[in-house]
Amino acid sequence: MRSSTQTFVIVGASLAGAKAAETLRAEGFDGRVVLLGDEARRPYERPPLSKEYLRGEKDFDAAAVHSADFYEEHDIELRTSTSVMAIEPADREVTLSSGERVGYDRLLLTTGAVPRRLGVDGAELDGVLYLRSVEDADRLRGVLSSQAQVVVIGAGWIGAEVAASARQLGAAVSMVELTGVPLERVLGAEVGAIYRDLHAAHGVDLHFGVGVEAITGTKSVESVRLSDGTVLPASAVVVGIGVAPRTEIAEAAGLAVDNGIVVDAHLQTSAPGIFAAGDVANAHHPRYRTRIRLEHWSAALNQGPAAARSMLDHDVVYDRTPYFFSDQYDLGMEYRGWAPVFDQVVFRGDPSTGTFLCFWLRENRVVAAMNVNVWDAGDTIDALLQAGRPIDPAVLADPDTDLADLAAPRT
């Protein structure tokens, strides 16, 4: 028997939504918890889709957020294959695609994002693939083989990781990117060049600073024509040109939307009793004094529980350091911080060895850092970021200087 008569509804059976539901129960909420998802599967994590799951090294259960019996055991009403068509903030209810209305006392939106579509001739041909869901990964895995000729359009995280996995499976891979190096928008040209060289060393055919003019084929893709006239043969095309936050129902309900659903530091939207978390949330970050929408696993993992506690009226402020990770071939990395603007990159260690640290500086203050195949520096890097004091770049680069000393509080 429940002692609470409240109903908390979570729209989006994602990592953020599942962790929020888990947290509600862990915090002692004994009212009704309804978790609605439009996919047919229980919630799962997306990072393996471009890596271990795509390569067949891990199965779905390894990617799932919880075991199959978790939701029933914790009295969480998980309703898959269920789309929410509208939110009625005044009535405090959501309308499902079936026409059913579900009332709520608190509402959490974890609707995530959708891949941006490629807008060129031939983009609708069979064999033009995107990667967001398990089904997408299954389709892509089905075409990857030693005989496959794969053209990856976009060298962001999805494109770069898919290219690496495809090469590891033996496919011939071409990478096409408008910027000069992979991941340039996030890491800058200097660090992006490390990833360019990494993919080149693994046999990827690189085409940077060029766009896609058309995809050609009769019924299915046969080639990709670039803006410089190059024609790349292709048995499959993977498009990874970014994602767009799924804000439609929030916008229609009158919630503030600006590059995602606008939320404060408590992850509450502009409407009372409605919260948002994960890819869809553009959240005010107290340390950076601006809104940040982070399209990475860590935001979903950590914002879901924070939003759940805010729904329970706990005084929670989401101020975690932005974090993401990537594994490509034998190069694993973790990135911490936020560096939309920087004026210098400092390396500690030789990038050519595949084991190093690098730091993004603004006015000699570390605003972001990346550890590459170095797995004991995360906490120290986070402390260094939070210290926020000026550091001599030469001292930062010196491997004989203890990073912990640079991050230690000054007396």
Protein backbone atom coordinates (compact mmCIF):
# COMPACT_ATOMS: atom_id res chain seq x y z
CA MET A 1 0.00 0.00 0.00
CA ARG A 2 1.25 3.47 -0.86
CA SER A 3 1.10 6.15 1.80
CA SER A 4 1.37 8.92 -0.79
CA THR A 5 -1.37 9.73 -3.26
CA GLN A 6 0.95 11.75 -5.51
CA THR A 7 1.77 10.72 -9.08
CA PHE A 8 5.14 11.57 -10.62
CA VAL A 9 5.29 11.12 -14.40
CA ILE A 10 8.55 10.85 -16.36
CA VAL A 11 8.34 11.36 -20.12
CA GLY A 12 11.29 9.60 -21.72
CA ALA A 13 12.34 6.06 -20.76
CA SER A 14 15.97 7.04 -21.20
CA LEU A 15 19.04 6.83 -18.98
CA ALA A 16 18.04 10.12 -17.34
CA GLY A 17 14.43 8.99 -16.91
CA ALA A 18 15.34 5.58 -15.53
CA LYS A 19 17.86 7.00 -13.05
CA ALA A 20 15.29 9.56 -11.93
CA ALA A 21 12.73 6.82 -11.29
CA GLU A 22 15.33 4.80 -9.38
CA THR A 23 16.22 7.85 -7.29
CA LEU A 24 12.61 8.61 -6.40
CA ARG A 25 12.29 5.17 -4.86
CA ALA A 26 15.72 5.33 -3.22
CA GLU A 27 14.74 8.64 -1.60
CA GLY A 28 11.63 7.04 -0.13
CA PHE A 29 8.92 8.34 -2.45
CA ASP A 30 6.09 5.82 -2.23
CA GLY A 31 3.59 7.43 -4.56
CA ARG A 32 2.90 6.41 -8.14
CA VAL A 33 5.85 6.58 -10.58
CA VAL A 34 4.99 6.36 -14.29
CA LEU A 35 7.87 6.08 -16.78
CA LEU A 36 6.77 6.57 -20.41
CA GLY A 37 8.96 5.71 -23.40
CA ASP A 38 8.27 5.60 -27.11
CA GLU A 39 10.84 2.87 -27.79
CA ALA A 40 9.81 -0.77 -27.42
CA ARG A 41 12.71 -1.60 -25.08
CA ARG A 42 13.41 -0.85 -21.47
CA PRO A 43 15.83 2.06 -20.84
CA TYR A 44 19.41 1.63 -22.00
CA GLU A 45 22.64 3.60 -22.26
CA ARG A 46 23.61 4.93 -25.68
CA PRO A 47 27.46 5.10 -25.59
CA PRO A 48 27.85 1.34 -26.35
CA LEU A 49 25.82 1.73 -29.56
CA SER A 50 28.81 3.18 -31.41
CA LYS A 51 31.36 0.98 -29.70
CA GLU A 52 31.02 -2.42 -27.95
CA TYR A 53 27.40 -3.10 -28.89
CA LEU A 54 27.98 -2.12 -32.51
CA ARG A 55 30.99 -4.42 -32.71
CA GLY A 56 29.06 -7.31 -31.15
CA GLU A 57 31.23 -7.41 -28.03
CA LYS A 58 28.35 -6.67 -25.63
CA ASP A 59 24.67 -7.52 -25.80
CA PHE A 60 21.62 -5.42 -24.95
CA ASP A 61 21.54 -6.49 -21.30
CA ALA A 62 25.02 -4.98 -20.86
CA ALA A 63 23.73 -1.66 -22.18
CA ALA A 64 20.43 -1.68 -20.24
CA VAL A 65 20.20 0.72 -17.30
CA HIS A 66 18.48 -1.86 -15.09
CA SER A 67 17.67 -5.54 -15.15
CA ALA A 68 14.40 -6.60 -16.75
CA ASP A 69 12.65 -7.12 -13.40
CA PHE A 70 13.86 -3.89 -11.75
CA TYR A 71 10.84 -1.77 -12.62
CA GLU A 72 8.24 -4.21 -11.36
CA GLU A 73 10.26 -4.89 -8.22
CA HIS A 74 10.36 -1.16 -7.46
CA ASP A 75 6.72 -0.51 -8.38
CA ILE A 76 7.67 1.70 -11.34
CA GLU A 77 5.09 1.67 -14.13
CA LEU A 78 7.33 1.35 -17.16
CA ARG A 79 5.21 1.80 -20.28
CA THR A 80 7.20 1.23 -23.47
CA SER A 81 6.00 1.93 -27.03
CA THR A 82 4.07 4.85 -25.53
CA SER A 83 4.31 8.33 -27.01
CA VAL A 84 3.27 11.52 -25.24
CA MET A 85 1.49 13.88 -27.60
CA ALA A 86 0.78 16.85 -25.34
CA ILE A 87 1.31 18.37 -21.91
CA GLU A 88 -1.43 20.38 -20.22
CA PRO A 89 0.34 22.33 -17.45
CA ALA A 90 -2.87 23.97 -16.21
CA ASP A 91 -4.58 20.60 -15.78
CA ARG A 92 -1.38 18.83 -14.73
CA GLU A 93 -1.79 15.96 -17.16
CA VAL A 94 -0.20 14.50 -20.26
CA THR A 95 -2.03 13.09 -23.26
CA LEU A 96 -0.75 9.83 -24.79
CA SER A 97 -0.94 8.81 -28.44
CA SER A 98 -3.77 6.45 -27.49
CA GLY A 99 -5.79 9.39 -26.25
CA GLU A 100 -5.39 8.40 -22.61
CA ARG A 101 -4.73 11.21 -20.17
CA VAL A 102 -2.42 10.70 -17.22
CA GLY A 103 -2.47 13.21 -14.38
CA TYR A 104 0.65 14.23 -12.52
CA ASP A 105 1.73 16.13 -9.43
CA ARG A 106 5.28 16.45 -10.75
CA LEU A 107 6.46 15.94 -14.32
CA LEU A 108 9.98 15.26 -15.58
CA LEU A 109 10.90 15.57 -19.26
CA THR A 110 13.82 13.40 -20.38
CA THR A 111 12.89 13.27 -24.05
CA GLY A 112 16.48 13.37 -25.32
CA ALA A 113 17.42 14.33 -28.85
CA VAL A 114 17.09 13.17 -32.45
CA PRO A 115 19.75 13.03 -35.17
CA ARG A 116 19.86 15.94 -37.57
CA ARG A 117 18.96 14.78 -41.06
CA LEU A 118 21.16 15.24 -44.09
CA GLY A 119 19.49 17.52 -46.63
CA VAL A 120 20.98 16.50 -49.98
CA ASP A 121 19.72 14.57 -52.98
CA GLY A 122 19.78 10.84 -52.30
CA ALA A 123 19.66 11.18 -48.53
CA GLU A 124 16.56 8.95 -48.41
CA LEU A 125 18.12 6.03 -50.29
CA ASP A 126 18.36 2.64 -48.61
CA GLY A 127 21.72 2.31 -46.90
CA VAL A 128 21.80 5.87 -45.55
CA LEU A 129 21.87 5.26 -41.81
CA TYR A 130 21.76 7.23 -38.57
CA LEU A 131 22.73 6.03 -35.10
CA ARG A 132 20.59 6.82 -32.08
CA SER A 133 18.75 3.65 -31.07
CA VAL A 134 19.49 -0.04 -30.59
CA GLU A 135 17.59 -0.73 -33.81
CA ASP A 136 19.83 1.76 -35.63
CA ALA A 137 22.91 -0.03 -34.29
CA ASP A 138 21.49 -3.41 -35.32
CA ARG A 139 20.90 -2.16 -38.88
CA LEU A 140 24.40 -0.70 -39.06
CA ARG A 141 26.02 -3.83 -37.66
CA GLY A 142 24.21 -5.82 -40.33
CA VAL A 143 26.04 -3.99 -43.14
CA LEU A 144 29.49 -3.83 -41.56
CA SER A 145 31.87 -6.45 -42.85
CA SER A 146 35.26 -6.76 -44.52
CA GLN A 147 33.50 -6.18 -47.86
CA ALA A 148 31.66 -3.04 -46.77
CA GLN A 149 32.54 0.39 -48.11
CA VAL A 150 31.32 2.84 -45.51
CA VAL A 151 31.22 6.61 -45.89
CA VAL A 152 30.86 8.42 -42.57
CA ILE A 153 29.52 11.96 -42.93
CA GLY A 154 30.49 14.04 -39.92
CA ALA A 155 33.53 13.67 -37.67
CA GLY A 156 31.98 14.49 -34.33
CA TRP A 157 31.79 11.91 -31.55
CA ILE A 158 29.30 9.61 -33.27
CA GLY A 159 31.02 9.78 -36.64
CA ALA A 160 34.50 9.27 -35.21
CA GLU A 161 33.47 6.35 -32.99
CA VAL A 162 31.49 4.64 -35.76
CA ALA A 163 34.42 5.04 -38.14
CA ALA A 164 36.72 3.41 -35.58
CA SER A 165 34.34 0.52 -34.93
CA ALA A 166 33.77 -0.04 -38.65
CA ARG A 167 37.53 -0.21 -39.26
CA GLN A 168 37.92 -2.63 -36.35
CA LEU A 169 35.32 -4.83 -38.04
CA GLY A 170 37.30 -4.73 -41.28
CA ALA A 171 35.21 -2.32 -43.36
CA ALA A 172 36.76 0.21 -45.71
CA VAL A 173 35.91 3.64 -44.29
CA SER A 174 35.90 7.15 -45.71
CA MET A 175 35.29 10.11 -43.38
CA VAL A 176 33.86 13.39 -44.66
CA GLU A 177 33.84 16.56 -42.54
CA LEU A 178 33.31 20.26 -43.26
CA THR A 179 35.86 21.39 -40.68
CA GLY A 180 39.61 20.86 -40.91
CA VAL A 181 39.95 18.01 -38.38
CA PRO A 182 37.70 15.64 -36.41
CA LEU A 183 35.98 17.10 -33.34
CA GLU A 184 37.24 20.59 -34.11
CA ARG A 185 34.14 22.30 -32.71
CA VAL A 186 34.67 20.68 -29.31
CA LEU A 187 38.42 20.17 -28.98
CA GLY A 188 39.88 22.78 -31.35
CA ALA A 189 42.20 22.27 -34.28
CA GLU A 190 45.30 21.28 -32.30
CA VAL A 191 43.76 18.38 -30.39
CA GLY A 192 41.46 17.48 -33.28
CA ALA A 193 44.60 16.86 -35.35
CA ILE A 194 45.52 14.03 -32.96
CA TYR A 195 42.27 12.29 -33.89
CA ARG A 196 42.87 12.98 -37.57
CA ASP A 197 46.24 11.27 -37.37
CA LEU A 198 44.77 8.41 -35.32
CA HIS A 199 42.16 7.62 -37.98
CA ALA A 200 44.69 8.01 -40.78
CA ALA A 201 46.99 5.54 -39.03
CA HIS A 202 44.13 3.03 -38.99
CA GLY A 203 43.49 3.34 -42.70
CA VAL A 204 40.51 5.72 -42.81
CA ASP A 205 40.27 7.69 -46.07
CA LEU A 206 39.98 11.30 -44.84
CA HIS A 207 38.19 14.18 -46.58
CA PHE A 208 38.22 17.36 -44.50
CA GLY A 209 37.13 20.85 -45.39
CA VAL A 210 34.62 19.52 -47.89
CA GLY A 211 30.87 19.02 -47.94
CA VAL A 212 28.50 16.46 -49.44
CA GLU A 213 26.83 17.41 -52.70
CA ALA A 214 24.71 14.29 -53.25
CA ILE A 215 24.29 10.61 -52.50
CA THR A 216 23.77 8.54 -55.61
CA GLY A 217 22.25 5.17 -56.35
CA THR A 218 19.20 3.60 -57.93
CA LYS A 219 17.37 1.92 -55.04
CA SER A 220 20.18 1.90 -52.48
CA VAL A 221 23.27 3.98 -51.97
CA GLU A 222 26.14 3.40 -54.39
CA SER A 223 28.35 6.45 -53.98
CA VAL A 224 28.74 9.85 -52.33
CA ARG A 225 29.65 12.92 -54.38
CA LEU A 226 31.55 15.60 -52.50
CA SER A 227 31.54 19.34 -53.14
CA ASP A 228 35.06 19.17 -54.57
CA GLY A 229 33.94 16.63 -57.18
CA THR A 230 35.35 13.55 -55.46
CA VAL A 231 33.14 10.47 -55.76
CA LEU A 232 33.40 7.92 -52.97
CA PRO A 233 32.05 4.39 -53.54
CA ALA A 234 29.69 3.36 -50.74
CA SER A 235 27.67 0.34 -49.74
CA ALA A 236 26.52 2.25 -46.65
CA VAL A 237 26.52 5.85 -45.48
CA VAL A 238 26.46 6.79 -41.80
CA VAL A 239 25.33 10.33 -41.07
CA GLY A 240 26.56 11.88 -37.83
CA ILE A 241 26.02 15.63 -38.14
CA GLY A 242 24.69 16.32 -34.67
CA VAL A 243 21.40 16.05 -32.85
CA ALA A 244 18.48 18.34 -32.06
CA PRO A 245 16.79 18.34 -28.64
CA ARG A 246 13.25 16.96 -28.62
CA THR A 247 11.42 20.03 -27.39
CA GLU A 248 8.21 19.89 -29.42
CA ILE A 249 5.77 18.97 -26.66
CA ALA A 250 7.44 21.35 -24.22
CA GLU A 251 7.24 24.23 -26.67
CA ALA A 252 3.61 23.46 -27.49
CA ALA A 253 2.84 23.50 -23.77
CA GLY A 254 4.27 27.00 -23.44
CA LEU A 255 7.49 26.09 -21.64
CA ALA A 256 10.53 28.26 -22.27
CA VAL A 257 12.65 26.70 -25.01
CA ASP A 258 16.03 27.92 -26.26
CA ASN A 259 18.40 25.27 -27.62
CA GLY A 260 16.58 22.79 -25.41
CA ILE A 261 14.13 23.12 -22.57
CA VAL A 262 15.29 26.01 -20.40
CA VAL A 263 15.76 24.97 -16.76
CA ASP A 264 17.28 26.62 -13.72
CA ALA A 265 20.03 25.23 -11.49
CA HIS A 266 17.42 23.02 -9.82
CA LEU A 267 16.44 21.62 -13.25
CA GLN A 268 12.97 23.16 -13.03
CA THR A 269 11.39 24.54 -16.18
CA SER A 270 9.47 27.79 -16.55
CA ALA A 271 6.28 25.91 -15.54
CA PRO A 272 5.69 25.01 -11.88
CA GLY A 273 6.04 21.31 -11.13
CA ILE A 274 7.74 20.47 -14.46
CA PHE A 275 11.41 19.56 -14.64
CA ALA A 276 13.80 18.48 -17.43
CA ALA A 277 17.08 16.56 -17.54
CA GLY A 278 19.57 15.04 -19.97
CA ASP A 279 20.14 15.92 -23.63
CA VAL A 280 16.98 18.01 -23.81
CA ALA A 281 17.77 20.28 -20.83
CA ASN A 282 19.54 23.61 -21.27
CA ALA A 283 20.48 24.06 -17.64
CA HIS A 284 21.83 27.08 -15.80
CA HIS A 285 25.22 26.16 -14.36
CA PRO A 286 26.11 28.18 -11.24
CA ARG A 287 29.87 27.92 -11.70
CA TYR A 288 29.85 29.05 -15.32
CA ARG A 289 26.96 31.50 -14.84
CA THR A 290 25.35 30.49 -18.09
CA ARG A 291 23.17 27.74 -19.50
CA ILE A 292 24.79 24.56 -20.79
CA ARG A 293 23.13 21.76 -22.73
CA LEU A 294 25.42 18.76 -22.61
CA GLU A 295 24.72 15.97 -25.11
CA HIS A 296 26.60 13.31 -23.23
CA TRP A 297 26.08 10.30 -21.01
CA SER A 298 27.19 12.05 -17.84
CA ALA A 299 24.44 14.68 -18.04
CA ALA A 300 21.77 12.00 -18.31
CA LEU A 301 23.35 9.88 -15.59
CA ASN A 302 23.65 12.73 -13.08
CA GLN A 303 20.87 15.14 -13.98
CA GLY A 304 18.17 12.46 -13.74
CA PRO A 305 18.79 11.84 -10.02
CA ALA A 306 19.24 15.58 -9.35
CA ALA A 307 15.91 16.35 -10.99
CA ALA A 308 14.23 13.57 -8.99
CA ARG A 309 15.43 15.12 -5.75
CA SER A 310 14.22 18.54 -6.88
CA MET A 311 10.83 16.97 -7.62
CA LEU A 312 10.81 15.87 -3.98
CA ASP A 313 11.45 19.48 -2.93
CA HIS A 314 15.03 18.85 -1.85
CA ASP A 315 17.26 21.89 -2.20
CA VAL A 316 19.41 20.50 -5.01
CA VAL A 317 21.65 22.58 -7.25
CA TYR A 318 23.13 20.86 -10.30
CA ASP A 319 26.71 22.12 -10.50
CA ARG A 320 28.72 19.10 -11.61
CA THR A 321 31.69 19.65 -13.88
CA PRO A 322 30.75 18.78 -17.47
CA TYR A 323 32.27 15.42 -18.41
CA PHE A 324 32.35 13.06 -21.34
CA PHE A 325 34.45 10.17 -22.59
CA SER A 326 35.29 8.46 -25.86
CA ASP A 327 37.06 5.29 -26.93
CA GLN A 328 38.45 5.05 -30.46
CA TYR A 329 40.74 2.15 -31.37
CA ASP A 330 43.22 1.94 -28.47
CA LEU A 331 42.85 5.59 -27.51
CA GLY A 332 40.58 6.15 -24.54
CA MET A 333 39.96 9.60 -23.12
CA GLU A 334 38.02 11.54 -20.53
CA TYR A 335 37.24 15.25 -20.87
CA ARG A 336 36.26 17.53 -18.01
CA GLY A 337 35.30 21.17 -18.06
CA TRP A 338 33.75 23.57 -20.50
CA ALA A 339 35.82 25.55 -22.99
CA PRO A 340 33.69 27.34 -25.59
CA VAL A 341 36.48 29.94 -25.69
CA PHE A 342 40.16 29.32 -24.97
CA ASP A 343 43.45 30.89 -25.98
CA GLN A 344 45.98 28.10 -25.44
CA VAL A 345 46.31 24.31 -25.29
CA VAL A 346 49.02 22.87 -23.04
CA PHE A 347 50.19 19.25 -23.30
CA ARG A 348 51.72 17.23 -20.48
CA GLY A 349 53.36 14.27 -22.14
CA ASP A 350 53.90 13.49 -25.80
CA PRO A 351 50.65 13.00 -27.78
CA SER A 352 52.47 10.74 -30.24
CA THR A 353 52.83 8.13 -27.48
CA GLY A 354 49.06 7.90 -27.00
CA THR A 355 49.40 8.61 -23.27
CA PHE A 356 49.17 12.25 -22.21
CA LEU A 357 47.18 15.02 -20.59
CA CYS A 358 46.12 18.25 -22.24
CA PHE A 359 44.64 21.42 -20.85
CA TRP A 360 42.61 24.22 -22.41
CA LEU A 361 43.51 27.60 -20.89
CA ARG A 362 41.87 30.99 -20.92
CA GLU A 363 43.92 33.80 -19.42
CA ASN A 364 46.19 31.12 -17.93
CA ARG A 365 43.29 29.48 -16.09
CA VAL A 366 42.46 25.84 -16.85
CA VAL A 367 38.91 25.73 -18.22
CA ALA A 368 38.96 22.14 -19.51
CA ALA A 369 41.25 19.15 -19.49
CA MET A 370 41.53 15.75 -21.14
CA ASN A 371 43.31 12.65 -19.91
CA VAL A 372 44.24 10.19 -22.65
CA ASN A 373 44.99 6.62 -21.57
CA VAL A 374 45.76 8.04 -18.12
CA TRP A 375 43.23 6.77 -15.61
CA ASP A 376 44.30 8.15 -12.22
CA ALA A 377 44.09 11.88 -12.86
CA GLY A 378 40.33 12.57 -12.93
CA ASP A 379 39.82 13.79 -9.37
CA THR A 380 42.93 15.98 -9.49
CA ILE A 381 41.85 17.49 -12.80
CA ASP A 382 38.42 18.27 -11.37
CA ALA A 383 40.04 19.98 -8.37
CA LEU A 384 42.28 21.96 -10.73
CA LEU A 385 39.25 23.14 -12.69
CA GLN A 386 37.42 24.17 -9.56
CA ALA A 387 40.43 26.04 -8.19
CA GLY A 388 40.25 28.35 -11.20
CA ARG A 389 43.49 30.17 -10.42
CA PRO A 390 46.12 31.35 -12.94
CA ILE A 391 48.85 28.79 -13.64
CA ASP A 392 52.12 29.19 -15.50
CA PRO A 393 51.68 27.07 -18.69
CA ALA A 394 55.28 25.88 -18.47
CA VAL A 395 54.69 24.58 -14.94
CA LEU A 396 51.46 22.91 -16.03
CA ALA A 397 53.30 21.14 -18.85
CA ASP A 398 56.14 19.94 -16.60
CA PRO A 399 55.56 16.26 -15.68
CA ASP A 400 57.76 16.74 -12.60
CA THR A 401 55.24 19.17 -11.12
CA ASP A 402 52.54 17.41 -9.11
CA LEU A 403 49.11 18.40 -10.43
CA ALA A 404 47.69 17.98 -6.93
CA ASP A 405 49.97 20.77 -5.71
CA LEU A 406 48.63 23.08 -8.41
CA ALA A 407 45.06 22.26 -7.41
CA ALA A 408 45.58 22.44 -3.63
CA PRO A 409 43.89 25.28 -1.72
CA ARG A 410 46.15 28.25 -1.06
CA THR A 411 46.72 29.36 2.50
